[in-house]
Amino acid sequence: LNLRLLSLNVSDNGLASRIIIVPSPLTESNEIASFRLSMLDEGGSMSTFGQDFGHDGSPLQSVLEYDTIGMTLDFMLASGLVSETPSLIKIDVDGIEHLILRGAEKVLASQSLRSILIEVNEEFRELAQEVRRILEAAEFQMMEREHSGMFEDGAFSHTFNQVWVRG
């Protein structure tokens, strides 16, 4: 549902010739799987691909579900869907960040990639531990970890934006 907002933003900013929108989710393997949305608001979040859990590892209560194709970042680069290794990657996908990193082994190994901004719910231990393990194995170091003050209390108090840079 956010594709409309993204495409309008790209167009309104005169970037249509510089940005390619790939509306397929990133994941750990090339597959057809369910995309599950927990809300139908444009700009909304709390959705997942290929899993039945949300940002905190708990079961996701979906209100809409459809099957679509997901791909690894490594496949997108190898197949030419992405023309060059990015220098910066931002991942904020509400609970499957570690799965996306699993499908990006070659991209993470590229010296062209200098930094990664990734949102991590540190209470979701499997996610937090695997993100750290994968990024440290790829020779990245965490440089920053913070969130907005409005998240000090409540459901997102343990969710942080982490900035990792190549060592």
Protein backbone atom coordinates (compact mmCIF):
# COMPACT_ATOMS: atom_id res chain seq x y z
CA LEU A 1 0.00 0.00 0.00
CA ASN A 2 2.99 2.31 0.42
CA LEU A 3 4.00 1.96 -3.24
CA ARG A 4 1.66 4.81 -4.20
CA LEU A 5 3.30 7.15 -1.68
CA LEU A 6 6.79 6.14 -2.74
CA SER A 7 6.12 6.61 -6.44
CA LEU A 8 4.51 10.03 -5.84
CA ASN A 9 7.48 11.11 -3.73
CA VAL A 10 9.97 10.03 -6.42
CA SER A 11 7.97 11.83 -9.11
CA ASP A 12 7.35 15.00 -7.07
CA ASN A 13 11.10 15.30 -6.42
CA GLY A 14 12.03 14.87 -10.10
CA LEU A 15 13.92 11.64 -9.45
CA ALA A 16 12.07 9.23 -11.76
CA SER A 17 15.07 8.95 -14.09
CA ARG A 18 17.46 8.20 -11.20
CA ILE A 19 15.45 5.78 -9.05
CA ILE A 20 14.18 2.33 -9.91
CA ILE A 21 11.39 1.12 -7.66
CA VAL A 22 11.51 -2.62 -7.10
CA PRO A 23 8.23 -3.50 -5.37
CA SER A 24 9.36 -6.99 -4.40
CA PRO A 25 10.38 -7.66 -0.81
CA LEU A 26 13.93 -8.59 0.12
CA THR A 27 14.33 -11.87 1.96
CA GLU A 28 16.75 -14.70 2.69
CA SER A 29 15.91 -16.82 -0.40
CA ASN A 30 14.19 -16.34 -3.75
CA GLU A 31 10.64 -17.48 -3.17
CA ILE A 32 6.94 -16.88 -3.50
CA ALA A 33 5.48 -16.30 -0.05
CA SER A 34 2.79 -14.37 1.77
CA PHE A 35 3.06 -10.66 2.38
CA ARG A 36 1.05 -9.95 5.53
CA LEU A 37 -0.18 -6.49 6.48
CA SER A 38 -1.40 -5.66 9.97
CA MET A 39 -2.99 -2.36 8.88
CA LEU A 40 -4.37 -0.87 5.68
CA ASP A 41 -3.24 2.74 6.19
CA GLU A 42 -1.04 4.32 3.53
CA GLY A 43 2.31 4.94 5.18
CA GLY A 44 1.54 2.21 7.69
CA SER A 45 4.03 -0.33 8.93
CA MET A 46 4.02 -3.58 10.91
CA SER A 47 3.90 -5.90 7.92
CA THR A 48 6.00 -8.96 7.13
CA PHE A 49 7.02 -11.16 4.21
CA GLY A 50 7.33 -14.92 4.35
CA GLN A 51 6.85 -15.11 8.11
CA ASP A 52 3.98 -15.05 10.57
CA PHE A 53 5.69 -12.88 13.20
CA GLY A 54 6.03 -9.14 13.56
CA HIS A 55 8.64 -6.63 14.74
CA ASP A 56 8.95 -8.24 18.16
CA GLY A 57 8.90 -11.92 17.15
CA SER A 58 5.31 -12.34 18.32
CA PRO A 59 2.58 -13.61 15.97
CA LEU A 60 1.43 -10.92 13.54
CA GLN A 61 -2.32 -10.31 13.37
CA SER A 62 -2.79 -9.69 9.64
CA VAL A 63 -5.76 -7.91 8.08
CA LEU A 64 -4.64 -8.51 4.49
CA GLU A 65 -2.45 -11.20 3.00
CA TYR A 66 -1.32 -11.94 -0.55
CA ASP A 67 1.40 -14.02 -2.21
CA THR A 68 4.21 -12.28 -4.03
CA ILE A 69 7.80 -12.85 -5.12
CA GLY A 70 10.64 -12.10 -2.72
CA MET A 71 14.31 -12.02 -3.66
CA THR A 72 17.68 -11.88 -2.00
CA LEU A 73 19.80 -8.78 -2.39
CA ASP A 74 22.60 -11.01 -3.69
CA PHE A 75 20.30 -12.34 -6.45
CA MET A 76 19.17 -8.84 -7.40
CA LEU A 77 22.78 -7.78 -7.83
CA ALA A 78 23.91 -10.95 -9.64
CA SER A 79 20.96 -10.84 -12.05
CA GLY A 80 21.44 -7.17 -12.90
CA LEU A 81 18.20 -6.01 -11.28
CA VAL A 82 20.46 -3.82 -9.15
CA SER A 83 23.32 -2.52 -11.30
CA GLU A 84 25.96 -1.90 -8.64
CA THR A 85 26.70 -2.67 -5.02
CA PRO A 86 25.32 0.10 -2.86
CA SER A 87 27.60 2.11 -0.60
CA LEU A 88 24.82 2.51 2.00
CA ILE A 89 21.98 0.16 2.93
CA LYS A 90 19.00 1.06 5.11
CA ILE A 91 16.87 -1.80 6.46
CA ASP A 92 13.70 -1.14 8.47
CA VAL A 93 11.28 -3.99 7.89
CA ASP A 94 9.65 -4.73 11.22
CA GLY A 95 11.21 -8.02 12.30
CA ILE A 96 12.89 -9.72 9.34
CA GLU A 97 16.05 -7.61 9.16
CA HIS A 98 18.20 -10.64 10.00
CA LEU A 99 16.60 -12.65 7.18
CA ILE A 100 17.41 -9.94 4.66
CA LEU A 101 21.03 -9.92 5.83
CA ARG A 102 21.17 -13.71 5.33
CA GLY A 103 20.35 -13.13 1.66
CA ALA A 104 23.01 -10.43 1.26
CA GLU A 105 26.25 -12.30 2.01
CA LYS A 106 28.06 -11.19 -1.17
CA VAL A 107 26.80 -7.63 -0.94
CA LEU A 108 27.97 -7.42 2.68
CA ALA A 109 31.40 -8.70 1.66
CA SER A 110 31.84 -6.00 -0.99
CA GLN A 111 34.26 -3.25 -0.04
CA SER A 112 31.97 -0.82 -1.90
CA LEU A 113 29.48 -1.14 0.95
CA ARG A 114 30.61 1.31 3.61
CA SER A 115 27.68 1.57 6.04
CA ILE A 116 24.38 0.07 7.08
CA LEU A 117 21.51 1.71 8.97
CA ILE A 118 19.32 -1.00 10.42
CA GLU A 119 16.40 -0.91 12.84
CA VAL A 120 16.64 -3.61 15.51
CA ASN A 121 14.20 -4.54 18.26
CA GLU A 122 16.69 -5.68 20.88
CA GLU A 123 14.02 -7.58 22.83
CA PHE A 124 13.62 -9.86 19.79
CA ARG A 125 16.77 -11.74 20.80
CA GLU A 126 17.11 -13.99 17.72
CA LEU A 127 16.94 -10.96 15.42
CA ALA A 128 19.30 -8.81 17.51
CA GLN A 129 21.90 -11.54 17.97
CA GLU A 130 21.88 -12.60 14.34
CA VAL A 131 22.12 -9.03 13.02
CA ARG A 132 25.17 -8.49 15.24
CA ARG A 133 26.75 -11.84 14.24
CA ILE A 134 26.26 -11.30 10.49
CA LEU A 135 27.48 -7.70 10.46
CA GLU A 136 30.50 -8.36 12.65
CA ALA A 137 31.44 -11.36 10.47
CA ALA A 138 31.30 -9.00 7.47
CA GLU A 139 33.74 -6.69 9.31
CA PHE A 140 31.28 -3.97 10.27
CA GLN A 141 31.33 -2.19 13.62
CA MET A 142 28.37 -0.55 15.34
CA MET A 143 29.05 3.18 15.59
CA GLU A 144 25.69 4.49 16.82
CA ARG A 145 22.56 3.15 18.45
CA GLU A 146 19.65 5.45 19.17
CA HIS A 147 15.97 6.13 18.87
CA SER A 148 13.67 9.09 19.20
CA GLY A 149 12.79 10.23 22.69
CA MET A 150 9.14 9.53 21.93
CA PHE A 151 10.01 5.82 22.05
CA GLU A 152 11.46 5.86 25.58
CA ASP A 153 8.36 4.12 26.91
CA GLY A 154 5.97 1.68 25.31
CA ALA A 155 6.08 -1.02 22.67
CA PHE A 156 9.11 0.42 20.83
CA SER A 157 11.33 1.31 23.78
CA HIS A 158 13.76 -1.49 22.87
CA THR A 159 13.85 -0.69 19.15
CA PHE A 160 16.90 1.24 17.97
CA ASN A 161 18.38 2.51 14.74
CA GLN A 162 21.87 1.08 14.59
CA VAL A 163 24.56 2.56 12.35
CA TRP A 164 27.23 0.07 11.30
CA VAL A 165 30.36 1.02 9.36
CA ARG A 166 33.05 -1.04 7.75
CA GLY A 167 35.96 -1.31 10.22
